[in-house]
Amino acid sequence: MITEGDVPTIVAVLDSLRPLIQMDGGDLEFVRYEDSRVFVRLQGACVGCPMSMYTVKMGIESALKEKIPSITEVISLD
């Protein structure tokens, strides 16, 4: 279960990934965590990009699960 104490770690991981996403004209916003799931919002060039799901699942989700194994999924909100 993700706890309130995990939020700084979640934000730190997302902040470490933001420069990579920004290099492609996009951005990333942490929205919330709920029931072991992390909700993010992709912005800029990432919106509508066919590769955005790959970015969320293979990039963001993998990085977060490495730091906090109890995360079950990362969901991108529109």
C-alpha atoms as a PDB file:
ATOM      1  CA  MET A   1       0.000   0.000   0.000  1.00  0.00           C
ATOM      2  CA  ILE A   2       1.287   3.440  -0.889  1.00  0.00           C
ATOM      3  CA  THR A   3       1.401   5.776   2.087  1.00  0.00           C
ATOM      4  CA  GLU A   4       1.498   9.542   2.448  1.00  0.00           C
ATOM      5  CA  GLY A   5       5.209   9.138   3.167  1.00  0.00           C
ATOM      6  CA  ASP A   6       5.750   7.732  -0.330  1.00  0.00           C
ATOM      7  CA  VAL A   7       4.588  10.943  -2.045  1.00  0.00           C
ATOM      8  CA  PRO A   8       8.022  12.642  -1.862  1.00  0.00           C
ATOM      9  CA  THR A   9       9.600   9.544  -3.436  1.00  0.00           C
ATOM     10  CA  ILE A  10       6.954   9.472  -6.169  1.00  0.00           C
ATOM     11  CA  VAL A  11       7.509  13.157  -6.908  1.00  0.00           C
ATOM     12  CA  ALA A  12      11.298  12.716  -6.903  1.00  0.00           C
ATOM     13  CA  VAL A  13      11.118   9.851  -9.410  1.00  0.00           C
ATOM     14  CA  LEU A  14       8.752  11.815 -11.652  1.00  0.00           C
ATOM     15  CA  ASP A  15      10.999  14.885 -11.422  1.00  0.00           C
ATOM     16  CA  SER A  16      13.977  12.761 -12.488  1.00  0.00           C
ATOM     17  CA  LEU A  17      12.047  11.673 -15.603  1.00  0.00           C
ATOM     18  CA  ARG A  18      10.693  15.099 -16.543  1.00  0.00           C
ATOM     19  CA  PRO A  19      13.842  16.292 -18.396  1.00  0.00           C
ATOM     20  CA  LEU A  20      13.657  13.273 -20.704  1.00  0.00           C
ATOM     21  CA  ILE A  21      10.010  13.952 -21.463  1.00  0.00           C
ATOM     22  CA  GLN A  22      10.650  17.677 -21.863  1.00  0.00           C
ATOM     23  CA  MET A  23      13.356  16.945 -24.449  1.00  0.00           C
ATOM     24  CA  ASP A  24      10.574  15.661 -26.701  1.00  0.00           C
ATOM     25  CA  GLY A  25       8.372  18.705 -26.094  1.00  0.00           C
ATOM     26  CA  GLY A  26       6.196  17.181 -23.392  1.00  0.00           C
ATOM     27  CA  ASP A  27       5.866  17.401 -19.656  1.00  0.00           C
ATOM     28  CA  LEU A  28       4.601  15.359 -16.729  1.00  0.00           C
ATOM     29  CA  GLU A  29       2.399  16.238 -13.764  1.00  0.00           C
ATOM     30  CA  PHE A  30       1.768  14.165 -10.625  1.00  0.00           C
ATOM     31  CA  VAL A  31      -1.980  14.214  -9.946  1.00  0.00           C
ATOM     32  CA  ARG A  32      -2.533  11.811  -7.033  1.00  0.00           C
ATOM     33  CA  TYR A  33      -2.082   8.330  -5.642  1.00  0.00           C
ATOM     34  CA  GLU A  34      -4.975   6.065  -4.751  1.00  0.00           C
ATOM     35  CA  ASP A  35      -5.255   2.349  -3.958  1.00  0.00           C
ATOM     36  CA  SER A  36      -1.631   1.585  -4.905  1.00  0.00           C
ATOM     37  CA  ARG A  37      -2.045   3.420  -8.211  1.00  0.00           C
ATOM     38  CA  VAL A  38      -0.309   6.623  -9.266  1.00  0.00           C
ATOM     39  CA  PHE A  39      -2.162   9.057 -11.501  1.00  0.00           C
ATOM     40  CA  VAL A  40      -0.205  11.382 -13.769  1.00  0.00           C
ATOM     41  CA  ARG A  41      -1.026  13.796 -16.554  1.00  0.00           C
ATOM     42  CA  LEU A  42       1.123  14.055 -19.659  1.00  0.00           C
ATOM     43  CA  GLN A  43       1.258  17.495 -21.214  1.00  0.00           C
ATOM     44  CA  GLY A  44       2.537  19.273 -24.295  1.00  0.00           C
ATOM     45  CA  ALA A  45       3.652  17.125 -27.205  1.00  0.00           C
ATOM     46  CA  CYS A  46       2.843  13.969 -25.222  1.00  0.00           C
ATOM     47  CA  VAL A  47      -0.890  14.623 -25.451  1.00  0.00           C
ATOM     48  CA  GLY A  48      -2.227  12.410 -28.208  1.00  0.00           C
ATOM     49  CA  CYS A  49       1.186  10.979 -29.069  1.00  0.00           C
ATOM     50  CA  PRO A  50       0.988   7.282 -29.998  1.00  0.00           C
ATOM     51  CA  MET A  51       4.095   6.604 -27.895  1.00  0.00           C
ATOM     52  CA  SER A  52       2.633   8.147 -24.733  1.00  0.00           C
ATOM     53  CA  MET A  53       1.292   4.820 -23.424  1.00  0.00           C
ATOM     54  CA  TYR A  54       4.749   3.316 -23.873  1.00  0.00           C
ATOM     55  CA  THR A  55       6.200   6.266 -21.937  1.00  0.00           C
ATOM     56  CA  VAL A  56       3.721   5.737 -19.103  1.00  0.00           C
ATOM     57  CA  LYS A  57       3.970   1.949 -18.822  1.00  0.00           C
ATOM     58  CA  MET A  58       7.568   1.194 -19.750  1.00  0.00           C
ATOM     59  CA  GLY A  59       9.166   4.382 -18.478  1.00  0.00           C
ATOM     60  CA  ILE A  60       7.228   5.996 -15.653  1.00  0.00           C
ATOM     61  CA  GLU A  61       5.576   2.879 -14.230  1.00  0.00           C
ATOM     62  CA  SER A  62       8.787   0.847 -14.331  1.00  0.00           C
ATOM     63  CA  ALA A  63      10.793   3.580 -12.614  1.00  0.00           C
ATOM     64  CA  LEU A  64       8.192   4.036  -9.880  1.00  0.00           C
ATOM     65  CA  LYS A  65       7.804   0.295  -9.241  1.00  0.00           C
ATOM     66  CA  GLU A  66      11.563   0.002  -8.870  1.00  0.00           C
ATOM     67  CA  LYS A  67      11.511   2.515  -5.998  1.00  0.00           C
ATOM     68  CA  ILE A  68       8.119   1.582  -4.515  1.00  0.00           C
ATOM     69  CA  PRO A  69       7.264  -2.047  -5.336  1.00  0.00           C
ATOM     70  CA  SER A  70       3.755  -1.746  -3.863  1.00  0.00           C
ATOM     71  CA  ILE A  71       2.687   0.476  -6.775  1.00  0.00           C
ATOM     72  CA  THR A  72       0.467  -1.645  -8.978  1.00  0.00           C
ATOM     73  CA  GLU A  73      -0.036   0.701 -11.896  1.00  0.00           C
ATOM     74  CA  VAL A  74       0.468   4.190 -13.293  1.00  0.00           C
ATOM     75  CA  ILE A  75      -2.525   5.725 -15.008  1.00  0.00           C
ATOM     76  CA  SER A  76      -2.338   8.687 -17.347  1.00  0.00           C
ATOM     77  CA  LEU A  77      -5.286  11.057 -17.147  1.00  0.00           C
ATOM     78  CA  ASP A  78      -6.407  13.115 -20.125  1.00  0.00           C
END
